[in-house]
Amino acid sequence: MGDVFELLSRDDTSKARRGRLTTPHGVIETPAFMPVGTQGSVKAVSSRELVELEAQIVLGNTYHLFVRPGLDVIRKFGGLHRFMNWDGPILTDSGGYQIFSLAKLRKITEGGVNFQNHIDGSPAFISPEIAMEIQATLGSDIAMVLDEC
């Protein structure tokens, strides 16, 4: 795919910079605002409106998408882009924040994190490897590694 990031300019008086990030679903001019679509949609904003607002990228959450709607549903749609009706780039975080926000529903092990699903109480295990597999299944353009925040 060639160069993924191109530095376009730097500010001589600060550490600010402007760049261009190229992904399989489009180019992102940085810095960029990234609307949050935790569960596959940006609340109260349609995908058409995201385009009209010139959103360049949307953020999804690996843990929440894994839990609901689940990977089977995402697969049936042909990936997260089709599920969201969004042709642009998607960044998925690893679900690492849930290690803290769902502290009462999880246990950290050497291999990963055992979660009690916050919706139905069922068990869910996510390791760094599984987080990457989930993000690959989602079709994420930019995937974040699961780490301890």
C-alpha atoms as a PDB file:
ATOM      1  CA  MET A   1       0.000   0.000   0.000  1.00  0.00           C
ATOM      2  CA  GLY A   2       3.019   2.299   0.031  1.00  0.00           C
ATOM      3  CA  ASP A   3       3.471   5.025   2.606  1.00  0.00           C
ATOM      4  CA  VAL A   4       0.678   4.959   5.153  1.00  0.00           C
ATOM      5  CA  PHE A   5       1.535   8.323   6.745  1.00  0.00           C
ATOM      6  CA  GLU A   6       2.887  11.369   4.987  1.00  0.00           C
ATOM      7  CA  LEU A   7       4.072  14.360   7.002  1.00  0.00           C
ATOM      8  CA  LEU A   8       2.815  17.484   5.234  1.00  0.00           C
ATOM      9  CA  SER A   9       4.021  20.245   7.539  1.00  0.00           C
ATOM     10  CA  ARG A  10       5.343  21.082  11.001  1.00  0.00           C
ATOM     11  CA  ASP A  11       4.992  24.161  13.127  1.00  0.00           C
ATOM     12  CA  ASP A  12       8.426  25.559  13.970  1.00  0.00           C
ATOM     13  CA  THR A  13       7.260  26.952  17.318  1.00  0.00           C
ATOM     14  CA  SER A  14       5.552  23.820  18.674  1.00  0.00           C
ATOM     15  CA  LYS A  15       5.373  20.098  18.130  1.00  0.00           C
ATOM     16  CA  ALA A  16       2.200  20.441  16.039  1.00  0.00           C
ATOM     17  CA  ARG A  17       2.180  18.736  12.678  1.00  0.00           C
ATOM     18  CA  ARG A  18      -0.161  18.118   9.782  1.00  0.00           C
ATOM     19  CA  GLY A  19      -0.237  14.892   7.852  1.00  0.00           C
ATOM     20  CA  ARG A  20      -2.069  12.528   5.578  1.00  0.00           C
ATOM     21  CA  LEU A  21      -2.941   8.986   6.629  1.00  0.00           C
ATOM     22  CA  THR A  22      -3.849   6.586   3.818  1.00  0.00           C
ATOM     23  CA  THR A  23      -6.098   3.595   4.573  1.00  0.00           C
ATOM     24  CA  PRO A  24      -7.885   1.020   2.397  1.00  0.00           C
ATOM     25  CA  HIS A  25     -11.115   3.039   2.783  1.00  0.00           C
ATOM     26  CA  GLY A  26      -9.770   6.520   2.213  1.00  0.00           C
ATOM     27  CA  VAL A  27      -7.405   9.279   3.170  1.00  0.00           C
ATOM     28  CA  ILE A  28      -7.488  11.118   6.494  1.00  0.00           C
ATOM     29  CA  GLU A  29      -6.015  14.599   6.747  1.00  0.00           C
ATOM     30  CA  THR A  30      -4.603  15.055  10.253  1.00  0.00           C
ATOM     31  CA  PRO A  31      -5.282  16.376  12.726  1.00  0.00           C
ATOM     32  CA  ALA A  32      -8.844  15.096  12.390  1.00  0.00           C
ATOM     33  CA  PHE A  33     -12.016  14.952  14.446  1.00  0.00           C
ATOM     34  CA  MET A  34     -13.089  11.330  14.937  1.00  0.00           C
ATOM     35  CA  PRO A  35     -16.807  10.799  15.708  1.00  0.00           C
ATOM     36  CA  VAL A  36     -17.397   7.912  18.097  1.00  0.00           C
ATOM     37  CA  GLY A  37     -19.606   5.053  16.918  1.00  0.00           C
ATOM     38  CA  THR A  38     -18.989   2.720  19.852  1.00  0.00           C
ATOM     39  CA  GLN A  39     -21.542   0.094  18.821  1.00  0.00           C
ATOM     40  CA  GLY A  40     -21.460   0.647  15.071  1.00  0.00           C
ATOM     41  CA  SER A  41     -23.348   3.927  14.858  1.00  0.00           C
ATOM     42  CA  VAL A  42     -22.738   7.518  15.841  1.00  0.00           C
ATOM     43  CA  LYS A  43     -25.653   8.434  18.109  1.00  0.00           C
ATOM     44  CA  ALA A  44     -28.271  10.643  16.420  1.00  0.00           C
ATOM     45  CA  VAL A  45     -26.158  11.008  13.238  1.00  0.00           C
ATOM     46  CA  SER A  46     -26.711   8.997  10.049  1.00  0.00           C
ATOM     47  CA  SER A  47     -23.879   7.857   7.797  1.00  0.00           C
ATOM     48  CA  ARG A  48     -25.154  10.329   5.182  1.00  0.00           C
ATOM     49  CA  GLU A  49     -24.898  13.134   7.743  1.00  0.00           C
ATOM     50  CA  LEU A  50     -21.358  12.046   8.629  1.00  0.00           C
ATOM     51  CA  VAL A  51     -20.421  12.506   4.968  1.00  0.00           C
ATOM     52  CA  GLU A  52     -22.170  15.903   4.865  1.00  0.00           C
ATOM     53  CA  LEU A  53     -20.266  16.913   8.019  1.00  0.00           C
ATOM     54  CA  GLU A  54     -17.048  15.850   6.251  1.00  0.00           C
ATOM     55  CA  ALA A  55     -16.156  13.236   8.854  1.00  0.00           C
ATOM     56  CA  GLN A  56     -13.056  11.442   7.624  1.00  0.00           C
ATOM     57  CA  ILE A  57     -13.003   8.515  10.047  1.00  0.00           C
ATOM     58  CA  VAL A  58     -15.263   6.886  12.647  1.00  0.00           C
ATOM     59  CA  LEU A  59     -14.211   5.129  15.854  1.00  0.00           C
ATOM     60  CA  GLY A  60     -15.740   1.796  16.900  1.00  0.00           C
ATOM     61  CA  ASN A  61     -15.200  -0.192  20.104  1.00  0.00           C
ATOM     62  CA  THR A  62     -13.995  -3.785  19.813  1.00  0.00           C
ATOM     63  CA  TYR A  63     -15.426  -4.959  23.142  1.00  0.00           C
ATOM     64  CA  HIS A  64     -18.873  -3.448  22.608  1.00  0.00           C
ATOM     65  CA  LEU A  65     -19.148  -4.685  19.002  1.00  0.00           C
ATOM     66  CA  PHE A  66     -17.984  -8.153  20.101  1.00  0.00           C
ATOM     67  CA  VAL A  67     -20.675  -8.251  22.797  1.00  0.00           C
ATOM     68  CA  ARG A  68     -23.474  -6.609  20.778  1.00  0.00           C
ATOM     69  CA  PRO A  69     -24.357  -7.003  17.948  1.00  0.00           C
ATOM     70  CA  GLY A  70     -21.662  -9.711  17.904  1.00  0.00           C
ATOM     71  CA  LEU A  71     -19.307 -10.955  15.231  1.00  0.00           C
ATOM     72  CA  ASP A  72     -21.878 -13.242  13.567  1.00  0.00           C
ATOM     73  CA  VAL A  73     -24.115 -10.255  12.800  1.00  0.00           C
ATOM     74  CA  ILE A  74     -21.174  -8.177  11.545  1.00  0.00           C
ATOM     75  CA  ARG A  75     -20.056 -11.091   9.322  1.00  0.00           C
ATOM     76  CA  LYS A  76     -23.572 -11.448   7.846  1.00  0.00           C
ATOM     77  CA  PHE A  77     -23.431  -7.805   6.804  1.00  0.00           C
ATOM     78  CA  GLY A  78     -20.007  -8.292   5.231  1.00  0.00           C
ATOM     79  CA  GLY A  79     -18.046  -6.334   7.833  1.00  0.00           C
ATOM     80  CA  LEU A  80     -18.419  -3.250   9.967  1.00  0.00           C
ATOM     81  CA  HIS A  81     -18.334  -0.830   7.014  1.00  0.00           C
ATOM     82  CA  ARG A  82     -21.467  -2.382   5.520  1.00  0.00           C
ATOM     83  CA  PHE A  83     -23.104  -2.772   8.928  1.00  0.00           C
ATOM     84  CA  MET A  84     -22.616   0.966   9.513  1.00  0.00           C
ATOM     85  CA  ASN A  85     -23.296   1.931   5.886  1.00  0.00           C
ATOM     86  CA  TRP A  86     -19.997   3.826   6.046  1.00  0.00           C
ATOM     87  CA  ASP A  87     -17.493   3.780   3.176  1.00  0.00           C
ATOM     88  CA  GLY A  88     -14.785   5.757   4.958  1.00  0.00           C
ATOM     89  CA  PRO A  89     -12.013   4.647   7.295  1.00  0.00           C
ATOM     90  CA  ILE A  90     -12.816   3.044  10.650  1.00  0.00           C
ATOM     91  CA  LEU A  91     -10.520   2.929  13.667  1.00  0.00           C
ATOM     92  CA  THR A  92     -11.388   0.332  16.281  1.00  0.00           C
ATOM     93  CA  ASP A  93     -10.002   0.571  19.761  1.00  0.00           C
ATOM     94  CA  SER A  94      -9.020  -2.649  21.481  1.00  0.00           C
ATOM     95  CA  GLY A  95     -11.570  -2.642  24.268  1.00  0.00           C
ATOM     96  CA  GLY A  96      -8.805  -1.866  26.748  1.00  0.00           C
ATOM     97  CA  TYR A  97     -10.746   0.960  28.344  1.00  0.00           C
ATOM     98  CA  GLN A  98     -13.358  -1.591  29.446  1.00  0.00           C
ATOM     99  CA  ILE A  99     -10.671  -3.199  31.606  1.00  0.00           C
ATOM    100  CA  PHE A 100     -11.173  -0.160  33.846  1.00  0.00           C
ATOM    101  CA  SER A 101     -14.748   0.903  33.174  1.00  0.00           C
ATOM    102  CA  LEU A 102     -16.057  -2.638  33.771  1.00  0.00           C
ATOM    103  CA  ALA A 103     -13.670  -3.390  36.643  1.00  0.00           C
ATOM    104  CA  LYS A 104     -16.374  -5.139  38.682  1.00  0.00           C
ATOM    105  CA  LEU A 105     -17.155  -7.437  35.737  1.00  0.00           C
ATOM    106  CA  ARG A 106     -13.657  -8.549  34.777  1.00  0.00           C
ATOM    107  CA  LYS A 107     -10.635 -10.466  35.942  1.00  0.00           C
ATOM    108  CA  ILE A 108      -7.210  -9.838  34.429  1.00  0.00           C
ATOM    109  CA  THR A 109      -5.097 -12.937  33.820  1.00  0.00           C
ATOM    110  CA  GLU A 110      -1.642 -13.435  32.331  1.00  0.00           C
ATOM    111  CA  GLY A 111      -3.272 -14.297  28.997  1.00  0.00           C
ATOM    112  CA  GLY A 112      -5.924 -11.606  28.776  1.00  0.00           C
ATOM    113  CA  VAL A 113      -9.135 -10.446  30.391  1.00  0.00           C
ATOM    114  CA  ASN A 114     -12.143 -12.496  31.452  1.00  0.00           C
ATOM    115  CA  PHE A 115     -15.241 -10.313  31.261  1.00  0.00           C
ATOM    116  CA  GLN A 116     -18.737 -10.960  32.489  1.00  0.00           C
ATOM    117  CA  ASN A 117     -20.865  -9.588  29.645  1.00  0.00           C
ATOM    118  CA  HIS A 118     -22.465  -6.405  30.989  1.00  0.00           C
ATOM    119  CA  ILE A 119     -25.664  -7.142  29.031  1.00  0.00           C
ATOM    120  CA  ASP A 120     -26.509 -10.780  29.752  1.00  0.00           C
ATOM    121  CA  GLY A 121     -23.844 -11.922  32.213  1.00  0.00           C
ATOM    122  CA  SER A 122     -22.283 -14.474  29.862  1.00  0.00           C
ATOM    123  CA  PRO A 123     -18.500 -14.936  29.944  1.00  0.00           C
ATOM    124  CA  ALA A 124     -16.251 -13.297  27.361  1.00  0.00           C
ATOM    125  CA  PHE A 125     -12.472 -13.597  27.114  1.00  0.00           C
ATOM    126  CA  ILE A 126     -10.317 -11.127  25.210  1.00  0.00           C
ATOM    127  CA  SER A 127      -6.554 -11.449  24.858  1.00  0.00           C
ATOM    128  CA  PRO A 128      -4.320  -9.175  22.782  1.00  0.00           C
ATOM    129  CA  GLU A 129      -4.439 -11.787  19.992  1.00  0.00           C
ATOM    130  CA  ILE A 130      -8.224 -12.155  20.161  1.00  0.00           C
ATOM    131  CA  ALA A 131      -8.663  -8.366  20.141  1.00  0.00           C
ATOM    132  CA  MET A 132      -6.682  -8.233  16.876  1.00  0.00           C
ATOM    133  CA  GLU A 133      -8.696 -11.139  15.400  1.00  0.00           C
ATOM    134  CA  ILE A 134     -11.956  -9.383  16.289  1.00  0.00           C
ATOM    135  CA  GLN A 135     -10.754  -6.159  14.667  1.00  0.00           C
ATOM    136  CA  ALA A 136      -9.716  -8.073  11.532  1.00  0.00           C
ATOM    137  CA  THR A 137     -13.192  -9.634  11.380  1.00  0.00           C
ATOM    138  CA  LEU A 138     -14.738  -6.182  11.769  1.00  0.00           C
ATOM    139  CA  GLY A 139     -12.631  -4.971   8.831  1.00  0.00           C
ATOM    140  CA  SER A 140     -11.025  -2.143  10.763  1.00  0.00           C
ATOM    141  CA  ASP A 141      -8.697   0.136   8.823  1.00  0.00           C
ATOM    142  CA  ILE A 142      -6.762   1.065  11.961  1.00  0.00           C
ATOM    143  CA  ALA A 143      -6.676  -1.472  14.800  1.00  0.00           C
ATOM    144  CA  MET A 144      -5.468  -0.754  18.315  1.00  0.00           C
ATOM    145  CA  VAL A 145      -3.530  -3.301  20.354  1.00  0.00           C
ATOM    146  CA  LEU A 146      -5.025  -4.464  23.656  1.00  0.00           C
ATOM    147  CA  ASP A 147      -2.810  -3.356  26.480  1.00  0.00           C
ATOM    148  CA  GLU A 148      -3.241  -2.447  30.094  1.00  0.00           C
ATOM    149  CA  CYS A 149      -4.213   1.205  29.957  1.00  0.00           C
END
